[in-house]
Protein backbone atom coordinates (compact mmCIF):
# COMPACT_ATOMS: atom_id res chain seq x y z
CA MET A 1 76.88 99.64 106.08
CA ARG A 2 80.36 98.61 107.04
CA VAL A 3 82.85 100.61 109.13
CA LEU A 4 86.47 99.93 109.68
CA ILE A 5 88.01 101.57 112.83
CA VAL A 6 91.82 101.80 112.81
CA ASP A 7 93.75 102.89 115.84
CA ASP A 8 96.79 101.37 117.61
CA GLU A 9 95.11 101.92 120.99
CA ARG A 10 92.49 99.19 121.81
CA ILE A 11 90.68 101.47 124.16
CA GLU A 12 90.21 104.14 121.44
CA ARG A 13 88.88 101.42 119.05
CA GLU A 14 86.51 100.22 121.71
CA GLY A 15 85.38 103.79 122.33
CA MET A 16 84.63 104.40 118.70
CA ARG A 17 82.83 101.05 118.41
CA TYR A 18 80.70 102.06 121.45
CA LEU A 19 79.67 105.24 119.80
CA ILE A 20 78.88 103.56 116.57
CA ASP A 21 76.81 100.85 118.20
CA ALA A 22 74.99 103.49 120.30
CA TYR A 23 73.92 105.68 117.42
CA PHE A 24 74.08 103.59 114.15
CA ARG A 25 73.42 100.14 112.85
CA PHE A 26 76.69 99.32 111.13
CA GLU A 27 78.80 96.25 110.74
CA THR A 28 81.99 97.23 112.56
CA MET A 29 85.58 95.92 111.92
CA GLU A 30 88.77 96.90 113.69
CA ALA A 31 92.49 97.09 112.89
CA ALA A 32 95.51 98.11 115.05
CA ASN A 33 97.51 99.78 112.17
CA GLY A 34 97.22 100.77 108.53
CA LYS A 35 98.81 97.55 107.23
CA ALA A 36 96.30 95.46 109.02
CA ALA A 37 93.48 97.74 107.78
CA LEU A 38 94.53 97.27 104.18
CA ARG A 39 94.54 93.41 104.59
CA ILE A 40 90.96 93.78 105.93
CA LEU A 41 89.86 96.05 103.07
CA GLU A 42 91.29 93.63 100.48
CA GLN A 43 89.03 90.93 101.90
CA THR A 44 85.95 92.95 102.85
CA ARG A 45 85.15 96.44 101.53
CA ALA A 46 84.18 99.16 104.02
CA ASP A 47 81.88 102.02 103.36
CA ILE A 48 83.49 104.19 106.00
CA LEU A 49 87.05 104.18 107.31
CA LEU A 50 87.63 105.83 110.70
CA THR A 51 91.39 106.22 111.30
CA ASP A 52 93.82 107.62 113.65
CA ILE A 53 96.96 109.40 112.28
CA LYS A 54 99.77 108.39 114.52
CA MET A 55 100.25 104.53 114.47
CA PRO A 56 103.16 102.11 114.17
CA ILE A 57 103.93 99.99 111.03
CA MET A 58 101.73 102.12 108.66
CA ASP A 59 100.35 105.42 109.88
CA GLY A 60 97.03 106.94 109.08
CA LEU A 61 98.29 109.28 106.34
CA GLU A 62 99.81 106.44 104.42
CA LEU A 63 96.63 104.40 104.97
CA ILE A 64 94.51 107.25 103.67
CA ARG A 65 96.68 107.58 100.55
CA GLU A 66 96.39 103.83 99.87
CA VAL A 67 92.72 103.73 100.48
CA HIS A 68 92.14 106.78 98.30
CA GLY A 69 93.91 105.08 95.39
CA ARG A 70 92.72 101.57 95.76
CA PHE A 71 89.31 101.93 97.32
CA PRO A 72 87.99 105.35 96.27
CA GLU A 73 84.42 104.41 97.11
CA THR A 74 85.31 104.33 100.80
CA GLU A 75 84.65 107.56 102.80
CA ILE A 76 87.30 108.48 105.30
CA ILE A 77 86.97 110.16 108.66
CA VAL A 78 90.14 110.89 110.63
CA PHE A 79 90.09 111.06 114.39
CA SER A 80 93.28 112.10 116.10
CA ALA A 81 94.79 113.78 119.13
CA TYR A 82 97.00 115.79 116.75
CA GLY A 83 95.23 118.98 115.68
CA GLU A 84 98.19 120.17 113.57
CA PHE A 85 97.01 121.74 110.32
CA GLU A 86 99.68 119.84 108.29
CA TYR A 87 98.09 116.47 109.22
CA ALA A 88 94.69 117.81 108.13
CA ARG A 89 96.09 119.37 104.98
CA GLN A 90 97.72 116.12 103.89
CA ALA A 91 94.51 114.11 104.64
CA MET A 92 92.43 116.61 102.63
CA GLN A 93 94.62 115.95 99.56
CA TYR A 94 93.15 112.47 99.48
CA GLY A 95 89.56 113.52 99.82
CA VAL A 96 89.15 113.55 103.58
CA ASP A 97 86.89 116.27 104.68
CA SER A 98 86.15 115.10 108.23
CA TYR A 99 88.80 115.47 110.93
CA LEU A 100 87.71 114.86 114.49
CA LEU A 101 89.95 115.70 117.48
CA LYS A 102 90.31 113.37 120.47
CA PRO A 103 88.69 113.17 122.81
CA VAL A 104 85.77 113.00 120.32
CA ASP A 105 82.82 115.11 121.08
CA ILE A 106 79.73 112.86 120.77
CA GLU A 107 77.49 115.32 119.00
CA GLU A 108 80.21 116.26 116.62
CA PHE A 109 80.85 112.53 115.90
CA LYS A 110 77.15 111.93 115.22
CA ARG A 111 76.93 114.94 112.84
CA THR A 112 80.13 113.84 110.98
CA VAL A 113 78.94 110.22 110.48
CA GLU A 114 75.49 111.53 109.38
CA HIS A 115 77.22 113.88 106.89
CA THR A 116 79.33 111.01 105.56
CA LEU A 117 76.19 108.92 105.21
CA GLU A 118 74.53 111.74 103.16
CA LYS A 119 77.65 111.76 100.89
CA LEU A 120 77.48 107.98 100.40
CA ALA A 121 73.70 108.22 99.59
CA GLU A 122 74.29 111.00 97.08
CA ARG A 123 77.05 109.07 95.44
CA ALA A 124 74.80 106.02 95.12
CA GLN A 125 72.09 108.09 93.49
CA MET A 126 74.60 109.56 91.02
CA ARG A 127 75.79 106.14 89.77
CA PRO A 128 74.54 105.40 86.28
CA ALA A 129 71.91 102.60 86.11
CA ALA A 130 73.13 99.39 84.80
CA ILE A 131 72.17 98.85 81.20
CA GLY A 132 70.91 95.23 80.63
CA PRO A 133 70.35 93.37 77.37
CA ASP A 134 66.69 94.36 77.33
CA ALA A 135 67.39 98.13 77.44
């Protein structure tokens, strides 16, 4: 399982990485803005994208829009200090159903990631089996 953490603040990325390493066994990647995150995703797909909203160069909402269109198999979790409904509403338009407020509550973080893992597992079960030449 691969996770990409995107936040312009290094300490926030390190905090998220710490939580992931403490409770899950994921390969973790990091980016400081949406543009850098897209470059990473073009090279290496991520199962889960954890992104902030307010960032320079390319903000989280623009990143979410791009990822939704280009990498629809990637589940997105937003973590932000901004609890304004408009940000959440815009994120939900692109399939985001998890929006964590900073500072992130550890139990809520664990529940959110576990819920996301369940969604990924359900999606994997729903994929049609590949039909080979012997079928």
